[in-house]
């Protein structure tokens, strides 16, 4: 058994939370709470992986997503 790792981006909106996996086009979910969206994106990730050939998913997930903080000044 192999453990696959992906990055999930979670954003808060006025309607709840939205999450997506940048490496996997269309792998996204939402939830009313942070806990709910985290469970939902985990489930979406697992279901997405089930639909793709093992070698293809390993290749797709071998690309890393880097996250950084950007700053600028405004008046």
N, C-alpha and C. Protein backbone atom coordinates (compact mmCIF):
# COMPACT_ATOMS: atom_id res chain seq x y z
N UNK A 1 0.83 -1.17 0.00
CA UNK A 1 0.00 0.00 0.00
C UNK A 1 0.88 1.25 0.00
N UNK A 2 0.49 2.25 -0.77
CA UNK A 2 1.23 3.50 -0.90
C UNK A 2 0.36 4.64 -0.39
N UNK A 3 0.95 5.54 0.37
CA UNK A 3 0.22 6.72 0.85
C UNK A 3 0.46 7.86 -0.13
N UNK A 4 -0.61 8.43 -0.63
CA UNK A 4 -0.54 9.58 -1.53
C UNK A 4 -0.79 10.85 -0.74
N UNK A 5 -0.05 11.90 -1.10
CA UNK A 5 -0.18 13.18 -0.42
C UNK A 5 -0.51 14.26 -1.44
N UNK A 6 -1.46 15.11 -1.11
CA UNK A 6 -1.81 16.24 -1.96
C UNK A 6 -2.04 17.46 -1.08
N UNK A 7 -2.01 18.62 -1.67
CA UNK A 7 -2.27 19.86 -0.97
C UNK A 7 -3.72 20.27 -1.20
N UNK A 8 -4.42 20.61 -0.13
CA UNK A 8 -5.77 21.14 -0.24
C UNK A 8 -5.74 22.60 0.17
N UNK A 9 -6.38 23.44 -0.62
CA UNK A 9 -6.52 24.85 -0.30
C UNK A 9 -7.94 25.06 0.22
N UNK A 10 -8.05 25.68 1.37
CA UNK A 10 -9.36 25.94 1.97
C UNK A 10 -9.54 27.44 2.11
N UNK A 11 -10.67 27.92 1.61
CA UNK A 11 -10.97 29.35 1.67
C UNK A 11 -12.29 29.54 2.41
N UNK A 12 -12.34 30.60 3.22
CA UNK A 12 -13.57 30.93 3.93
C UNK A 12 -14.32 31.97 3.13
N UNK A 13 -15.63 31.79 3.04
CA UNK A 13 -16.47 32.78 2.38
C UNK A 13 -17.63 33.10 3.31
N UNK A 14 -18.48 34.01 2.92
CA UNK A 14 -19.62 34.35 3.76
C UNK A 14 -20.63 33.22 3.86
N UNK A 15 -20.54 32.25 2.93
CA UNK A 15 -21.47 31.11 2.92
C UNK A 15 -20.90 29.85 3.56
N UNK A 16 -19.68 29.90 4.06
CA UNK A 16 -19.06 28.72 4.64
C UNK A 16 -17.62 28.58 4.19
N UNK A 17 -17.24 27.38 3.79
CA UNK A 17 -15.87 27.09 3.37
C UNK A 17 -15.88 26.38 2.03
N UNK A 18 -14.83 26.63 1.25
CA UNK A 18 -14.64 26.05 -0.07
C UNK A 18 -13.24 25.46 -0.09
N UNK A 19 -13.07 24.26 -0.64
CA UNK A 19 -11.77 23.61 -0.69
C UNK A 19 -11.54 22.98 -2.05
N UNK A 20 -10.25 22.97 -2.47
CA UNK A 20 -9.89 22.31 -3.72
C UNK A 20 -8.46 21.82 -3.65
N UNK A 21 -8.15 20.85 -4.51
CA UNK A 21 -6.81 20.28 -4.61
C UNK A 21 -6.22 20.78 -5.93
N UNK A 22 -5.25 21.70 -5.89
CA UNK A 22 -4.73 22.31 -7.12
C UNK A 22 -4.19 21.31 -8.15
N UNK A 23 -3.60 20.20 -7.71
CA UNK A 23 -3.04 19.23 -8.63
C UNK A 23 -4.10 18.43 -9.37
N UNK A 24 -5.33 18.42 -8.85
CA UNK A 24 -6.37 17.56 -9.41
C UNK A 24 -7.55 18.41 -9.88
N UNK A 25 -7.57 18.72 -11.15
CA UNK A 25 -8.63 19.55 -11.72
C UNK A 25 -10.00 18.95 -11.40
N UNK A 26 -10.87 19.75 -10.82
CA UNK A 26 -12.21 19.29 -10.50
C UNK A 26 -12.35 18.62 -9.15
N UNK A 27 -11.27 18.49 -8.40
CA UNK A 27 -11.35 17.91 -7.06
C UNK A 27 -11.59 19.05 -6.08
N UNK A 28 -12.87 19.23 -5.74
CA UNK A 28 -13.25 20.33 -4.87
C UNK A 28 -14.45 19.96 -4.03
N UNK A 29 -14.68 20.75 -3.00
CA UNK A 29 -15.81 20.50 -2.13
C UNK A 29 -16.11 21.77 -1.34
N UNK A 30 -17.14 21.69 -0.54
CA UNK A 30 -17.51 22.82 0.32
C UNK A 30 -18.12 22.30 1.61
N UNK A 31 -18.30 23.20 2.57
CA UNK A 31 -18.92 22.82 3.83
C UNK A 31 -19.29 24.05 4.63
N UNK A 32 -20.18 23.88 5.56
CA UNK A 32 -20.61 24.99 6.41
C UNK A 32 -19.58 25.34 7.47
N UNK A 33 -18.82 24.34 7.92
CA UNK A 33 -17.80 24.55 8.95
C UNK A 33 -16.45 24.07 8.42
N UNK A 34 -15.40 24.48 9.12
CA UNK A 34 -14.06 24.04 8.74
C UNK A 34 -13.95 22.52 8.83
N UNK A 35 -14.49 21.95 9.89
CA UNK A 35 -14.43 20.50 10.06
C UNK A 35 -15.17 19.78 8.93
N UNK A 36 -16.33 20.32 8.55
CA UNK A 36 -17.11 19.70 7.48
C UNK A 36 -16.38 19.77 6.14
N UNK A 37 -15.81 20.91 5.82
CA UNK A 37 -15.12 21.03 4.53
C UNK A 37 -13.87 20.14 4.51
N UNK A 38 -13.21 19.99 5.64
CA UNK A 38 -12.02 19.13 5.68
C UNK A 38 -12.42 17.67 5.45
N UNK A 39 -13.52 17.23 6.06
CA UNK A 39 -14.00 15.87 5.82
C UNK A 39 -14.43 15.70 4.36
N UNK A 40 -15.11 16.71 3.83
CA UNK A 40 -15.61 16.62 2.46
C UNK A 40 -14.50 16.60 1.43
N UNK A 41 -13.44 17.41 1.62
CA UNK A 41 -12.36 17.42 0.64
C UNK A 41 -11.54 16.13 0.74
N UNK A 42 -11.44 15.56 1.94
CA UNK A 42 -10.77 14.25 2.08
C UNK A 42 -11.52 13.19 1.30
N UNK A 43 -12.84 13.18 1.44
CA UNK A 43 -13.66 12.22 0.70
C UNK A 43 -13.56 12.46 -0.80
N UNK A 44 -13.59 13.70 -1.23
CA UNK A 44 -13.48 14.02 -2.65
C UNK A 44 -12.13 13.55 -3.19
N UNK A 45 -11.06 13.76 -2.42
CA UNK A 45 -9.72 13.32 -2.81
C UNK A 45 -9.68 11.80 -2.98
N UNK A 46 -10.21 11.08 -2.01
CA UNK A 46 -10.20 9.62 -2.07
C UNK A 46 -11.01 9.11 -3.26
N UNK A 47 -12.17 9.69 -3.51
CA UNK A 47 -12.98 9.27 -4.66
C UNK A 47 -12.30 9.60 -5.98
N UNK A 48 -11.68 10.76 -6.06
CA UNK A 48 -10.97 11.17 -7.27
C UNK A 48 -9.86 10.18 -7.59
N UNK A 49 -9.07 9.83 -6.56
CA UNK A 49 -7.95 8.90 -6.74
C UNK A 49 -8.44 7.54 -7.24
N UNK A 50 -9.60 7.11 -6.77
CA UNK A 50 -10.15 5.82 -7.20
C UNK A 50 -10.47 5.78 -8.69
N UNK A 51 -10.68 6.93 -9.31
CA UNK A 51 -11.08 6.99 -10.72
C UNK A 51 -9.91 7.04 -11.68
N UNK A 52 -8.69 7.16 -11.16
CA UNK A 52 -7.51 7.33 -12.01
C UNK A 52 -6.58 6.14 -11.84
N UNK A 53 -5.93 5.76 -12.92
CA UNK A 53 -4.92 4.69 -12.91
C UNK A 53 -3.84 5.04 -11.88
N UNK A 54 -3.37 4.02 -11.13
CA UNK A 54 -2.38 4.24 -10.08
C UNK A 54 -1.13 4.97 -10.56
N UNK A 55 -0.61 4.59 -11.71
CA UNK A 55 0.60 5.24 -12.22
C UNK A 55 0.33 6.69 -12.59
N UNK A 56 -0.83 6.96 -13.17
CA UNK A 56 -1.18 8.33 -13.54
C UNK A 56 -1.32 9.22 -12.31
N UNK A 57 -1.97 8.72 -11.28
CA UNK A 57 -2.16 9.55 -10.08
C UNK A 57 -0.83 9.81 -9.39
N UNK A 58 0.06 8.85 -9.38
CA UNK A 58 1.39 9.07 -8.78
C UNK A 58 2.14 10.15 -9.54
N UNK A 59 2.04 10.12 -10.86
CA UNK A 59 2.72 11.13 -11.68
C UNK A 59 2.10 12.51 -11.45
N UNK A 60 0.79 12.59 -11.41
CA UNK A 60 0.11 13.87 -11.19
C UNK A 60 0.49 14.45 -9.83
N UNK A 61 0.47 13.63 -8.81
CA UNK A 61 0.74 14.11 -7.46
C UNK A 61 2.23 14.28 -7.17
N UNK A 62 3.10 13.89 -8.09
CA UNK A 62 4.53 14.12 -7.87
C UNK A 62 4.89 15.59 -8.02
N UNK A 63 4.03 16.37 -8.68
CA UNK A 63 4.27 17.81 -8.77
C UNK A 63 3.82 18.44 -7.45
N UNK A 64 4.68 19.22 -6.87
CA UNK A 64 4.39 19.81 -5.56
C UNK A 64 3.77 21.19 -5.74
N UNK A 65 2.88 21.54 -4.84
CA UNK A 65 2.29 22.86 -4.79
C UNK A 65 2.98 23.61 -3.67
N UNK A 66 3.51 24.76 -3.99
CA UNK A 66 4.17 25.57 -2.99
C UNK A 66 3.24 26.71 -2.58
N UNK A 67 3.18 26.97 -1.29
CA UNK A 67 2.32 28.01 -0.77
C UNK A 67 3.20 29.05 -0.09
N UNK A 68 2.96 30.30 -0.37
CA UNK A 68 3.74 31.37 0.22
C UNK A 68 2.83 32.53 0.58
N UNK A 69 3.34 33.44 1.38
CA UNK A 69 2.62 34.65 1.77
C UNK A 69 3.19 35.79 0.93
N UNK A 70 2.32 36.57 0.34
CA UNK A 70 2.73 37.74 -0.41
C UNK A 70 2.31 38.98 0.36
N UNK A 71 3.14 40.02 0.31
CA UNK A 71 2.83 41.26 0.99
C UNK A 71 3.00 42.44 0.04
N UNK A 72 2.20 43.46 0.25
CA UNK A 72 2.35 44.72 -0.44
C UNK A 72 1.75 45.81 0.44
N UNK A 73 2.09 47.02 0.15
CA UNK A 73 1.55 48.14 0.93
C UNK A 73 0.48 48.85 0.14
N UNK A 74 -0.55 49.31 0.85
CA UNK A 74 -1.61 50.08 0.21
C UNK A 74 -1.86 51.33 1.03
N UNK A 75 -2.44 52.32 0.42
CA UNK A 75 -2.78 53.56 1.12
C UNK A 75 -4.15 53.51 1.70
